[in-house]
Protein backbone atom coordinates (compact mmCIF):
# COMPACT_ATOMS: atom_id res chain seq x y z
CA MET A 1 28.74 -15.91 -12.03
CA SER A 2 32.45 -15.26 -11.64
CA THR A 3 34.51 -12.13 -12.06
CA SER A 4 37.86 -10.96 -10.78
CA PRO A 5 37.30 -10.15 -7.10
CA ALA A 6 37.91 -6.55 -6.09
CA PRO A 7 39.04 -5.89 -2.53
CA LYS A 8 36.54 -3.85 -0.53
CA ASP A 9 39.12 -1.10 -0.06
CA GLU A 10 39.79 -0.73 -3.80
CA ALA A 11 38.15 2.41 -5.20
CA LEU A 12 36.53 1.56 -8.55
CA VAL A 13 35.17 5.11 -8.95
CA ARG A 14 36.84 8.32 -7.79
CA LEU A 15 34.95 11.62 -7.94
CA ALA A 16 36.84 14.88 -7.34
CA ASP A 17 34.92 18.19 -7.15
CA VAL A 18 32.52 17.14 -9.92
CA THR A 19 30.28 19.95 -11.14
CA LYS A 20 27.65 19.82 -13.88
CA ARG A 21 25.23 22.51 -15.05
CA PHE A 22 22.35 22.53 -17.50
CA GLY A 23 21.48 26.07 -18.61
CA ASP A 24 21.59 29.06 -16.28
CA GLY A 25 19.93 27.51 -13.22
CA PRO A 26 21.54 26.03 -10.11
CA ALA A 27 24.16 23.33 -10.67
CA ALA A 28 22.76 19.81 -11.12
CA LEU A 29 25.91 18.70 -9.28
CA ASP A 30 27.96 21.09 -7.17
CA ALA A 31 31.57 20.05 -6.37
CA VAL A 32 30.72 16.45 -5.49
CA SER A 33 33.57 14.19 -4.29
CA GLY A 34 33.44 10.55 -3.24
CA GLU A 35 34.31 6.92 -4.00
CA VAL A 36 32.62 3.67 -5.01
CA LYS A 37 34.51 0.63 -3.74
CA GLY A 38 34.72 -2.95 -4.94
CA GLY A 39 32.90 -5.83 -3.25
CA ALA A 40 30.42 -3.47 -1.59
CA ILE A 41 27.10 -1.71 -2.17
CA THR A 42 27.39 2.07 -2.31
CA GLY A 43 24.07 3.84 -2.01
CA LEU A 44 23.57 6.98 -4.09
CA VAL A 45 20.70 8.37 -2.07
CA GLY A 46 18.42 11.36 -2.52
CA PRO A 47 15.03 12.50 -3.83
CA ASP A 48 14.22 13.04 -7.50
CA GLY A 49 16.12 16.07 -8.78
CA ALA A 50 19.01 15.55 -6.33
CA GLY A 51 21.47 14.81 -9.16
CA LYS A 52 21.69 11.01 -8.90
CA THR A 53 21.03 10.16 -12.56
CA THR A 54 23.36 12.96 -13.74
CA LEU A 55 26.17 11.57 -11.56
CA ILE A 56 25.63 8.02 -12.85
CA ARG A 57 25.72 9.20 -16.46
CA LEU A 58 28.99 10.97 -15.76
CA MET A 59 30.38 7.68 -14.40
CA THR A 60 29.41 5.86 -17.61
CA GLY A 61 31.14 8.42 -19.82
CA LEU A 62 27.84 9.24 -21.54
CA MET A 63 28.15 12.80 -20.23
CA MET A 64 31.16 14.95 -19.30
CA PRO A 65 31.56 17.16 -16.19
CA ASP A 66 31.93 20.92 -16.54
CA SER A 67 34.70 20.77 -13.95
CA GLY A 68 36.30 18.20 -11.68
CA THR A 69 37.31 14.65 -12.60
CA VAL A 70 35.60 11.26 -12.77
CA ASP A 71 37.87 8.17 -12.84
CA VAL A 72 36.26 4.75 -13.32
CA LEU A 73 38.24 1.47 -13.14
CA GLY A 74 41.41 3.48 -13.59
CA PHE A 75 40.19 5.32 -16.71
CA ASN A 76 39.36 9.01 -16.93
CA THR A 77 35.87 9.42 -18.38
CA GLN A 78 36.92 12.35 -20.58
CA LYS A 79 39.92 10.52 -22.07
CA ASN A 80 38.71 6.93 -22.40
CA PRO A 81 34.91 6.54 -22.11
CA ALA A 82 34.86 3.52 -24.47
CA ALA A 83 37.07 1.46 -22.14
CA ILE A 84 34.77 2.26 -19.23
CA GLN A 85 31.61 1.37 -21.15
CA ALA A 86 33.12 -1.99 -22.16
CA SER A 87 33.88 -2.89 -18.52
CA ILE A 88 30.79 -1.84 -16.55
CA GLY A 89 27.19 -2.99 -16.24
CA TYR A 90 24.63 -0.18 -16.40
CA MET A 91 20.91 -0.35 -15.73
CA PRO A 92 19.24 3.02 -16.46
CA GLN A 93 16.25 4.27 -14.49
CA ARG A 94 13.98 3.63 -17.46
CA PHE A 95 15.56 0.41 -18.66
CA GLY A 96 15.35 -0.06 -22.42
CA LEU A 97 13.64 -3.44 -22.57
CA TYR A 98 11.81 -4.19 -25.78
CA GLU A 99 8.31 -4.96 -24.59
CA ASP A 100 7.27 -6.75 -27.78
CA LEU A 101 10.22 -9.17 -27.42
CA SER A 102 10.26 -12.15 -25.06
CA VAL A 103 12.59 -12.51 -22.09
CA GLN A 104 14.92 -14.73 -24.14
CA GLU A 105 14.80 -12.42 -27.16
CA ASN A 106 15.79 -9.46 -24.98
CA LEU A 107 18.75 -11.44 -23.62
CA ASP A 108 19.77 -12.40 -27.17
CA LEU A 109 19.56 -8.78 -28.30
CA TYR A 110 21.64 -7.43 -25.39
CA ALA A 111 24.18 -10.23 -25.88
CA ASP A 112 24.57 -8.97 -29.47
CA LEU A 113 24.83 -5.36 -28.33
CA ARG A 114 27.43 -6.29 -25.70
CA ASP A 115 29.30 -8.47 -28.23
CA LEU A 116 29.14 -11.55 -26.00
CA PRO A 117 30.88 -14.46 -27.78
CA LYS A 118 28.43 -17.09 -29.10
CA ALA A 119 30.26 -19.88 -27.27
CA GLU A 120 29.67 -18.20 -23.89
CA ARG A 121 25.99 -17.37 -24.33
CA SER A 122 24.35 -20.64 -23.39
CA SER A 123 26.08 -20.90 -20.02
CA ALA A 124 25.66 -17.16 -19.32
CA PHE A 125 21.92 -17.27 -20.08
CA GLU A 126 21.46 -20.39 -17.92
CA GLU A 127 23.30 -18.79 -15.01
CA LEU A 128 21.46 -15.45 -15.24
CA LEU A 129 18.00 -16.99 -15.71
CA THR A 130 18.58 -19.18 -12.65
CA PHE A 131 20.01 -16.23 -10.69
CA THR A 132 16.97 -14.02 -11.43
CA ASP A 133 14.40 -16.85 -11.27
CA LEU A 134 13.22 -16.04 -14.80
CA LYS A 135 13.85 -19.48 -16.29
CA ARG A 136 10.10 -20.23 -16.28
CA PHE A 137 9.31 -17.07 -18.22
CA THR A 138 11.72 -17.11 -21.17
CA THR A 139 8.88 -17.07 -23.73
CA ARG A 140 6.85 -14.35 -22.00
CA LEU A 141 6.85 -10.90 -23.62
CA ALA A 142 8.72 -8.31 -21.56
CA GLY A 143 5.64 -6.06 -21.72
CA LYS A 144 3.65 -8.75 -19.88
CA LEU A 145 6.07 -8.97 -16.95
CA SER A 146 5.33 -7.42 -13.55
CA GLY A 147 7.41 -4.43 -12.45
CA GLY A 148 9.65 -6.61 -10.29
CA MET A 149 10.22 -9.15 -13.07
CA LYS A 150 11.12 -6.37 -15.52
CA GLN A 151 13.75 -5.13 -13.07
CA LYS A 152 15.16 -8.67 -12.74
CA LEU A 153 15.37 -8.97 -16.54
CA GLY A 154 17.06 -5.55 -16.67
CA LEU A 155 19.58 -6.74 -14.10
CA ALA A 156 20.25 -9.90 -16.12
CA CYS A 157 20.91 -7.86 -19.27
CA ALA A 158 23.27 -5.54 -17.37
CA LEU A 159 25.26 -8.54 -16.08
CA LEU A 160 25.85 -10.29 -19.42
CA LYS A 161 29.53 -9.29 -19.60
CA LYS A 162 30.36 -9.95 -15.91
CA PRO A 163 31.29 -6.36 -14.97
CA ARG A 164 33.61 -5.30 -12.17
CA LEU A 165 31.29 -2.34 -11.56
CA LEU A 166 27.48 -2.39 -11.72
CA LEU A 167 25.57 0.92 -11.86
CA LEU A 168 21.87 0.63 -10.97
CA ASP A 169 19.74 3.78 -11.36
CA GLU A 170 16.75 3.46 -8.99
CA PRO A 171 16.07 -0.26 -9.53
CA GLY A 172 13.55 -0.33 -6.66
CA VAL A 173 11.24 2.48 -7.85
CA GLY A 174 7.64 1.32 -8.26
CA VAL A 175 8.59 -2.20 -7.17
CA ASP A 176 6.70 -3.98 -4.38
CA PRO A 177 8.49 -4.97 -1.13
CA ILE A 178 8.83 -8.64 -2.10
CA SER A 179 10.48 -7.86 -5.44
CA ARG A 180 12.68 -5.21 -3.81
CA ARG A 181 13.87 -7.72 -1.21
CA ASP A 182 14.62 -10.23 -4.01
CA LEU A 183 16.65 -7.63 -5.90
CA TRP A 184 18.63 -6.81 -2.78
CA LYS A 185 19.50 -10.47 -2.21
CA MET A 186 20.72 -10.76 -5.80
CA VAL A 187 22.87 -7.65 -5.52
CA GLU A 188 24.31 -8.72 -2.16
CA ASN A 189 25.32 -12.02 -3.78
CA LEU A 190 27.10 -10.10 -6.55
CA THR A 191 29.26 -8.23 -4.05
CA GLN A 192 30.43 -11.58 -2.66
CA GLU A 193 31.92 -12.20 -6.10
CA GLY A 194 33.86 -8.94 -5.94
CA ILE A 195 31.55 -6.76 -8.02
CA GLY A 196 31.24 -3.16 -6.86
CA VAL A 197 27.64 -1.94 -6.93
CA LEU A 198 26.26 1.59 -7.01
CA TRP A 199 22.57 1.47 -6.04
CA SER A 200 20.73 4.74 -6.65
CA THR A 201 17.55 5.23 -4.63
CA ALA A 202 15.01 7.72 -3.33
CA TYR A 203 13.89 5.16 -0.67
CA LEU A 204 15.68 6.14 2.51
CA ASP A 205 15.10 2.74 4.11
CA GLU A 206 17.24 1.25 1.32
CA ALA A 207 20.12 3.49 2.38
CA GLU A 208 20.36 1.58 5.67
CA ALA A 209 21.11 -1.65 3.76
CA CYS A 210 24.14 -0.15 1.96
CA ASP A 211 27.78 -0.51 3.03
CA HIS A 212 28.48 3.14 2.21
CA VAL A 213 26.23 6.08 1.31
CA LEU A 214 26.60 9.21 -0.80
CA LEU A 215 23.65 11.42 0.20
CA LEU A 216 22.68 14.10 -2.33
CA ASN A 217 20.13 16.88 -2.14
CA GLN A 218 19.70 19.62 -4.78
CA GLY A 219 23.03 18.73 -6.34
CA LYS A 220 25.07 18.98 -3.12
CA LEU A 221 26.72 16.12 -1.26
CA LEU A 222 25.36 16.26 2.30
CA PHE A 223 27.00 13.12 3.65
CA SER A 224 29.50 10.42 2.68
CA GLY A 225 30.06 7.47 4.97
CA LYS A 226 28.49 4.45 6.62
CA PRO A 227 24.71 4.74 7.12
CA HIS A 228 24.88 4.17 10.88
CA ASP A 229 27.31 7.08 11.23
CA LEU A 230 24.58 9.44 10.01
CA THR A 231 21.79 7.70 11.92
CA GLY A 232 23.89 7.93 15.08
CA ARG A 233 23.57 11.71 15.01
CA VAL A 234 19.91 11.48 16.12
CA GLU A 235 20.22 8.22 18.07
CA ASP A 236 18.99 9.66 21.38
CA ARG A 237 16.42 12.03 19.90
CA VAL A 238 13.80 9.65 18.49
CA PHE A 239 10.74 8.67 20.54
CA LYS A 240 7.59 6.60 20.21
CA VAL A 241 4.33 7.92 21.67
CA SER A 242 1.99 5.04 22.53
CA GLY A 243 -1.30 4.65 24.37
CA ILE A 244 -2.87 7.57 22.53
CA THR A 245 -6.51 8.29 23.28
CA GLY A 246 -8.53 10.07 20.62
CA ARG A 247 -7.67 10.50 16.95
CA ARG A 248 -3.97 10.06 16.38
CA ARG A 249 -3.91 12.39 13.34
CA GLN A 250 -5.13 15.28 15.46
CA VAL A 251 -2.61 14.41 18.19
CA LEU A 252 0.21 14.34 15.60
CA ALA A 253 -0.77 17.77 14.27
CA GLU A 254 -0.62 19.21 17.80
CA LEU A 255 2.68 17.49 18.62
CA LEU A 256 4.26 18.88 15.44
CA GLN A 257 3.51 22.36 16.77
CA THR A 258 5.12 21.53 20.14
CA LYS A 259 8.43 23.18 21.06
CA GLY A 260 11.37 20.84 20.52
CA VAL A 261 9.67 18.53 17.99
CA ILE A 262 11.26 18.75 14.52
CA ASP A 263 9.48 15.80 12.86
CA GLY A 264 6.72 13.31 13.46
CA VAL A 265 4.90 10.52 11.62
CA ILE A 266 2.11 8.09 12.40
CA GLN A 267 3.24 4.52 13.05
CA GLY A 268 0.14 2.33 13.39
CA ASP A 269 -1.63 3.31 16.63
CA ALA A 270 1.48 5.15 17.81
CA ILE A 271 3.35 8.30 16.74
CA ARG A 272 7.08 8.56 16.05
CA LEU A 273 8.78 11.85 16.99
CA VAL A 274 12.22 13.35 16.34
CA THR A 275 13.36 16.14 18.63
CA GLY A 276 15.95 18.88 18.36
CA LYS A 277 19.29 18.61 20.16
CA ASP A 278 18.98 18.46 23.96
CA GLU A 279 15.18 18.61 23.71
CA THR A 280 12.64 16.34 25.40
CA PRO A 281 9.12 17.19 24.21
CA ASP A 282 6.31 17.83 26.66
CA ILE A 283 3.54 15.68 25.15
CA GLY A 284 1.07 16.12 28.01
CA GLY A 285 -1.03 18.83 26.43
CA ALA A 286 -1.44 17.06 23.08
CA ALA A 287 -1.30 13.37 23.95
CA GLY A 288 -2.85 13.27 27.43
CA GLU A 289 -1.94 10.04 29.27
CA ALA A 290 0.11 8.64 26.37
CA LYS A 291 3.59 7.27 27.07
CA LEU A 292 6.85 8.56 25.58
CA ALA A 293 9.68 6.04 25.12
CA PRO A 294 12.96 6.04 23.15
CA THR A 295 12.92 4.10 19.86
CA PRO A 296 15.71 3.22 17.38
CA ALA A 297 16.62 6.00 14.92
CA ARG A 298 16.26 5.58 11.16
CA PHE A 299 18.24 7.04 8.27
CA GLU A 300 15.26 9.20 7.30
CA ASP A 301 15.19 10.74 10.80
CA ALA A 302 18.76 11.93 10.34
CA PHE A 303 18.08 13.24 6.82
CA ILE A 304 15.09 15.26 8.04
CA ASP A 305 17.28 16.65 10.82
CA MET A 306 19.96 17.67 8.28
CA LEU A 307 17.31 19.49 6.24
CA GLY A 308 16.24 21.51 9.28
CA GLY A 309 13.16 19.52 10.30
CA GLY A 310 9.74 18.85 8.82
CA PRO A 311 7.05 21.33 7.75
CA GLY A 312 5.03 21.32 10.99
CA GLY A 313 1.47 20.17 11.55
CA ARG A 314 -0.64 22.98 10.12
CA SER A 315 -2.57 22.55 6.85
CA LYS A 316 -3.93 25.74 5.31
CA LEU A 317 -5.62 23.51 2.74
CA ALA A 318 -7.70 21.70 5.36
CA GLU A 319 -8.43 24.91 7.22
CA ALA A 320 -10.10 26.23 4.06
CA GLN A 321 -11.99 22.96 3.40
CA ALA A 322 -15.73 22.85 4.04
CA PRO A 323 -16.65 19.56 5.80
CA PRO A 324 -18.49 17.18 3.43
CA SER A 325 -22.19 16.85 4.17
CA GLU A 326 -23.27 13.86 6.23
CA MET A 327 -24.39 10.64 4.54
CA GLY A 328 -25.87 9.02 7.62
CA ASP A 329 -24.35 5.60 8.28
CA ARG A 330 -23.68 4.89 4.61
CA PRO A 331 -20.03 4.35 3.61
CA VAL A 332 -18.48 6.89 1.23
CA ILE A 333 -16.73 4.23 -0.90
CA GLU A 334 -18.19 0.74 -1.39
CA ALA A 335 -16.84 -2.34 -3.19
CA HIS A 336 -19.16 -5.34 -3.34
CA GLY A 337 -17.86 -8.40 -5.16
CA LEU A 338 -15.86 -6.31 -7.63
CA THR A 339 -14.46 -8.58 -10.33
CA LYS A 340 -12.53 -7.80 -13.50
CA ARG A 341 -11.56 -10.33 -16.14
CA PHE A 342 -9.40 -9.79 -19.20
CA GLY A 343 -10.19 -12.82 -21.36
CA ASP A 344 -9.37 -15.90 -19.26
CA PHE A 345 -7.35 -13.88 -16.75
CA THR A 346 -9.05 -12.66 -13.55
CA ALA A 347 -7.25 -9.49 -12.43
CA ALA A 348 -9.57 -8.83 -9.47
CA ASP A 349 -11.78 -11.46 -7.89
CA LYS A 350 -14.78 -10.56 -5.69
CA ILE A 351 -13.11 -7.65 -3.89
CA THR A 352 -15.34 -6.42 -1.05
CA PHE A 353 -14.91 -3.62 1.49
CA ASP A 354 -16.54 -0.39 2.72
CA ILE A 355 -14.75 2.87 3.57
CA SER A 356 -16.34 5.25 6.05
CA ARG A 357 -16.36 9.04 6.18
CA GLY A 358 -13.03 10.41 7.43
CA GLU A 359 -11.09 7.16 6.97
CA ILE A 360 -7.81 6.42 5.15
CA PHE A 361 -7.99 3.02 3.48
CA GLY A 362 -4.93 1.47 1.86
CA LEU A 363 -4.75 -0.97 -1.05
CA LEU A 364 -1.44 -2.83 -0.86
CA GLY A 365 -0.09 -5.68 -2.91
CA PRO A 366 2.80 -6.92 -5.06
CA ASN A 367 3.16 -5.71 -8.65
CA GLY A 368 0.49 -7.36 -10.81
CA ALA A 369 -1.61 -8.44 -7.80
CA GLY A 370 -4.76 -6.56 -8.87
CA LYS A 371 -4.72 -3.50 -6.61
CA SER A 372 -4.46 -1.01 -9.51
CA THR A 373 -7.34 -2.78 -11.29
CA THR A 374 -9.47 -2.52 -8.13
CA PHE A 375 -8.46 1.13 -7.71
CA LYS A 376 -9.41 1.99 -11.31
CA MET A 377 -12.80 0.27 -11.03
CA LEU A 378 -13.62 2.30 -7.91
CA CYS A 379 -12.75 5.66 -9.47
CA GLY A 380 -14.74 4.90 -12.64
CA LEU A 381 -11.77 4.41 -15.01
CA LEU A 382 -12.47 0.70 -15.58
CA LYS A 383 -15.80 -1.08 -15.90
CA PRO A 384 -16.13 -4.17 -13.67
CA THR A 385 -17.03 -7.54 -15.18
CA GLU A 386 -19.11 -8.31 -12.08
CA GLY A 387 -19.96 -6.68 -8.79
CA GLU A 388 -20.75 -3.14 -7.75
CA GLY A 389 -18.76 -0.08 -6.79
CA ARG A 390 -20.21 3.10 -5.28
CA VAL A 391 -18.82 6.53 -4.39
CA ALA A 392 -20.92 8.82 -2.18
CA GLY A 393 -23.90 6.53 -2.81
CA PHE A 394 -23.66 6.73 -6.63
CA ASP A 395 -23.37 3.50 -8.62
CA LEU A 396 -20.25 3.63 -10.81
CA ARG A 397 -22.01 1.60 -13.53
CA LYS A 398 -25.14 3.78 -13.79
CA ASP A 399 -24.02 7.17 -12.51
CA ALA A 400 -20.28 7.21 -13.33
CA ALA A 401 -20.16 10.91 -14.28
CA VAL A 402 -21.96 12.03 -11.11
CA ALA A 403 -19.83 9.70 -8.96
CA ARG A 404 -16.60 11.06 -10.46
CA ASN A 405 -17.62 14.60 -9.49
CA GLN A 406 -17.66 13.42 -5.86
CA LEU A 407 -14.03 12.35 -5.95
CA GLY A 408 -10.59 13.80 -6.58
CA TYR A 409 -8.00 11.66 -8.37
CA MET A 410 -4.21 11.88 -8.14
CA ALA A 411 -2.51 9.45 -10.53
CA GLN A 412 0.64 7.41 -9.99
CA LYS A 413 2.39 9.11 -12.92
CA PHE A 414 1.99 12.87 -13.21
CA SER A 415 -1.29 13.14 -15.11
CA LEU A 416 -1.63 16.88 -15.60
CA TYR A 417 -0.99 18.60 -18.92
CA GLY A 418 2.74 19.22 -19.25
CA ASP A 419 2.45 21.74 -22.07
CA LEU A 420 -0.02 23.87 -20.10
CA THR A 421 1.18 26.32 -17.47
CA VAL A 422 0.44 25.93 -13.78
CA MET A 423 -2.39 28.45 -14.05
CA GLN A 424 -3.85 26.82 -17.18
CA ASN A 425 -3.89 23.44 -15.43
CA LEU A 426 -5.72 24.93 -12.46
CA GLU A 427 -8.25 26.59 -14.76
CA PHE A 428 -8.74 23.44 -16.84
CA PHE A 429 -9.37 21.14 -13.87
CA ALA A 430 -11.62 23.69 -12.19
CA GLY A 431 -13.73 23.61 -15.34
CA VAL A 432 -13.70 19.82 -15.54
CA TYR A 433 -15.04 19.65 -12.00
CA GLY A 434 -17.83 22.10 -12.83
CA LEU A 435 -16.50 25.24 -11.12
CA ARG A 436 -17.54 28.44 -12.87
CA GLY A 437 -17.30 32.22 -12.50
CA ALA A 438 -16.55 33.67 -9.07
CA ARG A 439 -16.38 30.24 -7.44
CA GLN A 440 -13.71 29.12 -9.91
CA ARG A 441 -11.65 32.28 -9.38
CA GLU A 442 -11.96 31.95 -5.61
CA ARG A 443 -10.75 28.32 -5.56
CA ILE A 444 -7.83 28.98 -7.95
CA GLU A 445 -6.69 31.96 -5.87
CA LEU A 446 -6.90 29.82 -2.75
CA MET A 447 -4.83 26.98 -4.28
CA THR A 448 -2.28 29.49 -5.60
CA ASP A 449 -1.88 30.97 -2.12
CA ILE A 450 -1.78 27.67 -0.19
CA PHE A 451 0.78 25.99 -2.48
CA ASP A 452 2.75 29.14 -3.34
CA PHE A 453 2.18 28.84 -7.10
CA GLY A 454 2.44 32.59 -7.72
CA ARG A 455 6.10 32.54 -8.83
CA HIS A 456 5.44 29.54 -11.09
CA ALA A 457 2.03 30.44 -12.53
CA ARG A 458 3.36 30.85 -16.09
CA HIS A 459 5.78 27.90 -16.01
CA SER A 460 4.89 24.79 -18.01
CA ALA A 461 3.89 21.93 -15.72
CA LYS A 462 6.43 19.57 -17.35
CA ASP A 463 9.29 21.88 -16.33
CA LEU A 464 8.43 21.97 -12.63
CA PRO A 465 10.49 20.12 -10.00
CA LEU A 466 8.81 16.91 -8.87
CA GLY A 467 7.74 18.35 -5.51
CA LEU A 468 5.92 21.22 -7.21
CA LYS A 469 4.31 18.83 -9.71
CA GLN A 470 3.00 16.83 -6.79
CA ARG A 471 1.59 19.96 -5.12
CA LEU A 472 -0.08 20.96 -8.40
CA ALA A 473 -1.59 17.50 -8.83
CA LEU A 474 -2.98 17.61 -5.28
CA ALA A 475 -4.34 21.14 -5.79
CA CYS A 476 -6.17 20.05 -8.95
CA ALA A 477 -7.56 16.96 -7.20
CA VAL A 478 -9.06 18.92 -4.27
CA MET A 479 -10.15 21.98 -6.25
CA HIS A 480 -13.85 21.06 -6.00
CA GLU A 481 -13.78 19.93 -2.33
CA PRO A 482 -14.50 16.25 -3.05
CA ARG A 483 -15.95 13.80 -0.54
CA ALA A 484 -13.30 11.21 -1.49
CA LEU A 485 -9.67 11.35 -2.61
CA PHE A 486 -8.14 8.57 -4.72
CA LEU A 487 -4.33 8.63 -4.41
CA ASP A 488 -2.34 6.21 -6.58
CA GLU A 489 1.26 6.05 -5.22
CA PRO A 490 1.16 9.82 -4.73
CA THR A 491 4.62 10.49 -3.27
CA SER A 492 6.94 8.22 -5.26
CA GLY A 493 10.35 9.88 -5.64
CA VAL A 494 9.67 13.15 -3.80
CA ASP A 495 11.91 14.44 -1.04
CA PRO A 496 11.02 13.60 2.59
CA ILE A 497 10.01 17.17 3.45
CA THR A 498 7.50 17.27 0.57
CA ARG A 499 6.19 13.84 1.63
CA ARG A 500 5.66 15.18 5.16
CA GLU A 501 3.87 18.25 3.79
CA PHE A 502 1.65 16.05 1.62
CA TRP A 503 0.60 13.81 4.52
CA THR A 504 0.03 16.83 6.77
CA HIS A 505 -2.57 18.01 4.24
CA ILE A 506 -4.11 14.53 3.82
CA ASN A 507 -4.33 13.85 7.56
CA ALA A 508 -5.94 17.24 8.16
CA LEU A 509 -8.44 16.77 5.31
CA VAL A 510 -9.42 13.41 6.78
CA GLU A 511 -10.00 15.11 10.13
CA LYS A 512 -12.44 17.37 8.27
CA GLY A 513 -14.35 14.29 7.04
CA VAL A 514 -12.77 13.61 3.64
CA THR A 515 -12.37 9.90 2.80
CA VAL A 516 -9.11 8.63 1.25
CA LEU A 517 -8.27 5.53 -0.78
CA VAL A 518 -4.52 5.19 -1.33
CA THR A 519 -2.10 2.76 -2.96
CA THR A 520 1.57 2.85 -2.02
CA HIS A 521 4.80 0.86 -2.03
CA PHE A 522 6.14 2.92 0.90
CA MET A 523 5.42 0.71 3.91
CA ASP A 524 5.86 3.62 6.30
CA GLU A 525 3.05 5.43 4.44
CA ALA A 526 0.83 2.38 4.92
CA GLU A 527 1.07 3.14 8.66
CA TYR A 528 -1.08 6.25 8.09
CA CYS A 529 -4.01 4.06 7.04
CA ASP A 530 -6.87 3.24 9.40
CA ARG A 531 -7.35 -0.06 7.57
CA ILE A 532 -5.56 -1.94 4.79
CA SER A 533 -6.68 -4.53 2.25
CA LEU A 534 -3.76 -6.65 1.05
CA ILE A 535 -4.42 -7.82 -2.53
CA TYR A 536 -2.63 -10.83 -3.97
CA ARG A 537 -3.36 -12.79 -7.14
CA GLY A 538 -6.58 -10.85 -7.59
CA ARG A 539 -7.98 -11.59 -4.12
CA SER A 540 -8.05 -9.75 -0.81
CA ILE A 541 -5.98 -11.98 1.47
CA ALA A 542 -5.96 -9.75 4.58
CA LEU A 543 -8.02 -6.85 5.90
CA GLY A 544 -7.35 -4.87 9.06
CA SER A 545 -5.48 -2.01 10.68
CA PRO A 546 -1.67 -1.84 10.29
CA ASP A 547 -1.21 -2.99 13.88
CA GLU A 548 -3.65 -5.87 13.41
CA LEU A 549 -1.79 -7.09 10.32
CA LYS A 550 1.57 -6.83 12.09
CA ALA A 551 0.22 -8.68 15.16
CA ARG A 552 -1.06 -11.43 12.88
CA VAL A 553 2.49 -12.34 11.76
CA ALA A 554 4.34 -11.67 15.03
CA THR A 555 6.41 -14.58 16.37
CA LYS A 556 8.72 -15.27 19.30
CA GLU A 557 11.68 -14.72 16.96
CA GLN A 558 10.13 -11.53 15.55
CA PRO A 559 7.83 -10.06 18.21
CA ASP A 560 7.68 -6.57 16.69
CA PRO A 561 7.49 -6.97 12.88
CA THR A 562 7.53 -3.99 10.54
CA MET A 563 4.78 -3.34 8.01
CA GLU A 564 7.11 -4.69 5.32
CA ASP A 565 7.61 -7.88 7.34
CA ALA A 566 3.83 -8.25 7.64
CA PHE A 567 3.33 -7.64 3.90
CA ILE A 568 5.83 -10.36 2.94
CA ALA A 569 4.71 -12.87 5.58
CA LEU A 570 1.02 -12.57 4.64
CA VAL A 571 1.76 -13.04 0.93
CA GLN A 572 3.90 -16.10 1.68
CA GLU A 573 1.18 -17.47 3.98
CA SER A 574 -1.36 -17.09 1.16
CA GLU A 575 0.94 -18.91 -1.27
CA THR A 576 1.35 -21.80 1.20
CA GLU A 577 -2.43 -22.07 1.65
CA GLU A 578 -2.97 -22.13 -2.13
CA GLU A 579 -0.38 -24.87 -2.61
CA ALA A 580 -1.97 -26.97 0.14
CA ALA A 581 -5.51 -26.55 -1.23
């Protein structure tokens, strides 16, 4: 795929004091300045609501700034948007694939829309299908593709006219680690051909892979520069606490209340801490004989530091939670040979595991692997073809309604009622879970106080910022003090402070005896799990703690693999075994 190379120092996009408002609220973008250069990947980084999509739309000329200037490929967006749109590739966050058309039919349609000459189409399609590894799937309907394959098709459509500048709006959202790594390799190859790439993302680990970063939060530009320049600010202030005795979640909560600690997360059997400037935490009281050692800083560590630190380790939600009654030695969640077939296709094949009281259990797997099918069978949303699932001892086939009252469910996509207010959602879900009268009023008042809903009680749920939507969804899921929480990618897109707050509540609830089943594409969140089942092609291919799974793939060349490394290596190992069988 050839295009006119652009030197790395050539600015393809110039932003000067760009401001954009919608209505009377705070500016969506507030005097943002920066550049996107050719032959490089520029990361536009920040949580949902930071202003990333607004800035990209301004670059495309689909929207105009209220003040400031946006110049793209030498054209001013206000004076010549058509010239810009003819010269760039643009992949929106919700890419407009036609799901009832095949891969090839989508390429044909976008070739027509982009006015690609007929004589050039055959070679362009061949090159793009090879580049994205979609050649085998040209007749498959786009709606039948996995999330990663849809993103690859979207990328192919955006590249039909060989742009000098490629704008990608969150291409990695909801995509498994393998597909994300594939997308990164493709985009890195494009920069070798001189294409300038803007990669928008809420995943802070992706920021570290960029050549340059524009870091946004609440419409303001917090940082512009090389990722390691920001990470270097906390380089000597990040530590790993290992050799912990006792429950690491309880130790983390205590460490987060320790003077000098501004952030902390669980990392397998260890805990990762970030300290304030010139601070060395005294971990003796909380972690006993555990060892404190420096560890490499990450981009997220520096972002948390810029935001003033995390939310601490206290959970008012867990403090108000009554411990679930004992069930003896019986697991709270049970899957025995769970199988689901759709026609000739087996989505989940004999999935078996037990989850004990006060345990976090993770379901991980690539897009389309079967983890969501397994998840839905266990929370009573999908009837299994074979096998048995139980929650709190209740059979999901025979006692589905009773079983569902023992669990709280937080969906991947915001599943509350957008046209209802915050208070109406709380009242509705309290009623669904059987709360009445004084008990209902008491629980709603408690949730309103804990999550600070008072100022937003009459706001429609659909108009809330993502962080508040997530708090509302969690409040509704725990309203009835369930024995088990089912969390389906619960923190996708939210800012790191809200993610920390969320896991502070979950960790503390687990300490009270609540059982958690979670799916996630954030590999650092997988570290919070006590055990993980890795699902691939409908089967469980690995089961163990995060550290056990990482140790299983460790080599001399890679003695300390990350959770993402383990995920990819175990899937590749399973593929090799299948091919040999």
